[in-house]
Protein backbone atom coordinates (compact mmCIF):
# COMPACT_ATOMS: atom_id res chain seq x y z
CA MET A 1 -19.10 60.02 14.30
CA PRO A 2 -16.96 56.86 14.12
CA LEU A 3 -13.99 56.81 11.77
CA LEU A 4 -15.51 54.06 9.58
CA THR A 5 -18.65 56.15 9.07
CA ILE A 6 -16.62 59.20 8.14
CA GLY A 7 -14.51 57.13 5.75
CA LEU A 8 -17.58 55.70 4.02
CA TRP A 9 -19.13 59.18 3.80
CA LEU A 10 -15.98 60.61 2.19
CA ALA A 11 -15.68 57.61 -0.14
CA ASN A 12 -19.27 58.21 -1.22
CA VAL A 13 -18.52 61.85 -1.97
CA VAL A 14 -15.45 60.91 -4.02
CA VAL A 15 -17.05 58.14 -6.11
CA ASP A 16 -20.32 60.04 -6.66
CA THR A 17 -18.42 63.13 -7.76
CA GLY A 18 -16.14 61.02 -9.95
CA GLY A 19 -19.14 59.36 -11.56
CA GLN A 20 -20.88 62.64 -12.29
CA LEU A 21 -17.70 64.13 -13.75
CA ALA A 22 -17.10 61.06 -15.91
CA PHE A 23 -20.67 61.21 -17.24
CA LYS A 24 -20.25 64.90 -18.00
CA ALA A 25 -17.00 64.17 -19.85
CA ALA A 26 -18.74 61.44 -21.86
CA ALA A 27 -21.79 63.57 -22.64
CA GLY A 28 -19.83 66.71 -23.43
CA ASP A 29 -17.60 65.23 -26.13
CA PRO A 30 -17.98 67.55 -29.14
CA ASP A 31 -17.10 64.68 -31.53
CA ALA A 32 -20.01 62.53 -30.36
CA GLY A 33 -22.49 63.46 -33.10
CA ASP A 34 -26.27 63.19 -32.68
CA GLY A 35 -28.87 60.58 -31.92
CA LEU A 36 -27.86 56.93 -31.91
CA ALA A 37 -24.40 57.80 -33.24
CA ARG A 38 -23.86 59.90 -30.12
CA TRP A 39 -24.75 56.97 -27.86
CA ARG A 40 -22.47 54.63 -29.80
CA HIS A 41 -19.63 57.12 -29.54
CA MET A 42 -20.15 57.56 -25.80
CA ALA A 43 -20.33 53.78 -25.29
CA SER A 44 -16.99 53.37 -27.06
CA ARG A 45 -15.23 55.89 -24.80
CA PRO A 46 -13.90 55.09 -21.33
CA TRP A 47 -15.62 58.01 -19.57
CA LEU A 48 -19.05 56.45 -19.73
CA TRP A 49 -17.80 53.18 -18.27
CA ILE A 50 -15.76 54.93 -15.58
CA GLY A 51 -18.97 56.70 -14.58
CA VAL A 52 -20.90 53.42 -14.48
CA GLY A 53 -18.12 51.84 -12.41
CA CYS A 54 -18.18 54.74 -9.99
CA TYR A 55 -21.93 54.35 -9.58
CA VAL A 56 -21.61 50.63 -8.84
CA ILE A 57 -18.99 51.37 -6.19
CA GLU A 58 -21.06 54.26 -4.85
CA PHE A 59 -24.07 51.97 -4.46
CA MET A 60 -22.06 49.59 -2.28
CA VAL A 61 -20.47 52.39 -0.26
CA TRP A 62 -23.85 54.11 0.19
CA ILE A 63 -25.49 50.91 1.49
CA ALA A 64 -22.61 50.41 3.93
CA PHE A 65 -22.86 54.04 5.05
CA LEU A 66 -26.62 53.81 5.55
CA SER A 67 -26.16 50.68 7.65
CA LEU A 68 -24.29 52.85 10.17
CA VAL A 69 -26.42 56.02 10.30
CA PRO A 70 -30.14 56.83 10.39
CA LEU A 71 -31.60 57.42 6.91
CA SER A 72 -32.56 61.03 7.68
CA GLU A 73 -28.99 61.83 8.76
CA GLY A 74 -27.39 59.92 5.89
CA VAL A 75 -29.42 61.66 3.21
CA LEU A 76 -28.64 65.07 4.66
CA LEU A 77 -24.92 64.28 4.91
CA GLY A 78 -25.05 62.98 1.34
CA SER A 79 -26.16 66.43 0.21
CA ILE A 80 -22.54 67.56 0.30
CA ASN A 81 -22.09 65.63 -2.97
CA ILE A 82 -23.93 68.49 -4.67
CA VAL A 83 -21.31 70.94 -3.44
CA ALA A 84 -18.39 68.72 -4.49
CA ILE A 85 -19.88 68.24 -7.97
CA MET A 86 -20.56 71.96 -8.46
CA VAL A 87 -17.04 72.96 -7.38
CA ALA A 88 -15.42 70.23 -9.49
CA GLY A 89 -17.57 71.26 -12.47
CA ARG A 90 -16.27 74.78 -12.09
CA PHE A 91 -12.63 73.73 -12.12
CA LEU A 92 -12.78 70.92 -14.68
CA PHE A 93 -15.44 72.17 -17.10
CA GLY A 94 -15.40 75.93 -16.51
CA GLU A 95 -19.02 75.97 -15.35
CA LYS A 96 -20.33 79.18 -13.81
CA LEU A 97 -20.78 79.62 -10.09
CA THR A 98 -23.32 82.42 -9.82
CA ARG A 99 -24.07 84.23 -6.58
CA LEU A 100 -27.15 82.09 -6.06
CA ARG A 101 -25.17 78.88 -6.59
CA VAL A 102 -22.48 80.03 -4.17
CA ALA A 103 -25.21 80.87 -1.65
CA GLY A 104 -26.63 77.38 -2.18
CA ILE A 105 -23.19 75.85 -1.66
CA LEU A 106 -22.79 77.75 1.59
CA LEU A 107 -26.26 76.78 2.84
CA VAL A 108 -25.83 73.10 1.96
CA SER A 109 -22.39 73.09 3.57
CA LEU A 110 -23.77 74.72 6.70
CA GLY A 111 -26.61 72.19 6.86
CA VAL A 112 -24.22 69.26 6.47
CA ALA A 113 -21.94 70.72 9.17
CA ILE A 114 -24.90 71.08 11.55
CA VAL A 115 -26.09 67.53 10.89
CA GLY A 116 -22.56 66.14 11.17
CA ALA A 117 -21.91 67.94 14.45
CA GLY A 118 -25.24 66.89 15.92
CA GLY A 119 -25.02 63.25 14.79
């Protein structure tokens, strides 16, 4: 796989993971309240807008990445985002990694490795 393709793939993983983590930080604020007040609180905090910014960047990176690889390969390689988000969620938010989730991480990682090696 060419270096540009790998760079775009890694950039996609980073900005997608960053966006998901920012949204989680915005949504998980215990001071947010309920209903419309919750949405107003989230909209006034930087985490929501960091997440939106990450998604805008991810969109551009994803389009560039897909211009270089077949869709079927790109979508499979993009699956590693799930692993990055789960691991980051564990370390940053203390989320549980059960045996089934760890098995899923290993299977997704193996699938991405197979696709990456065969591409």
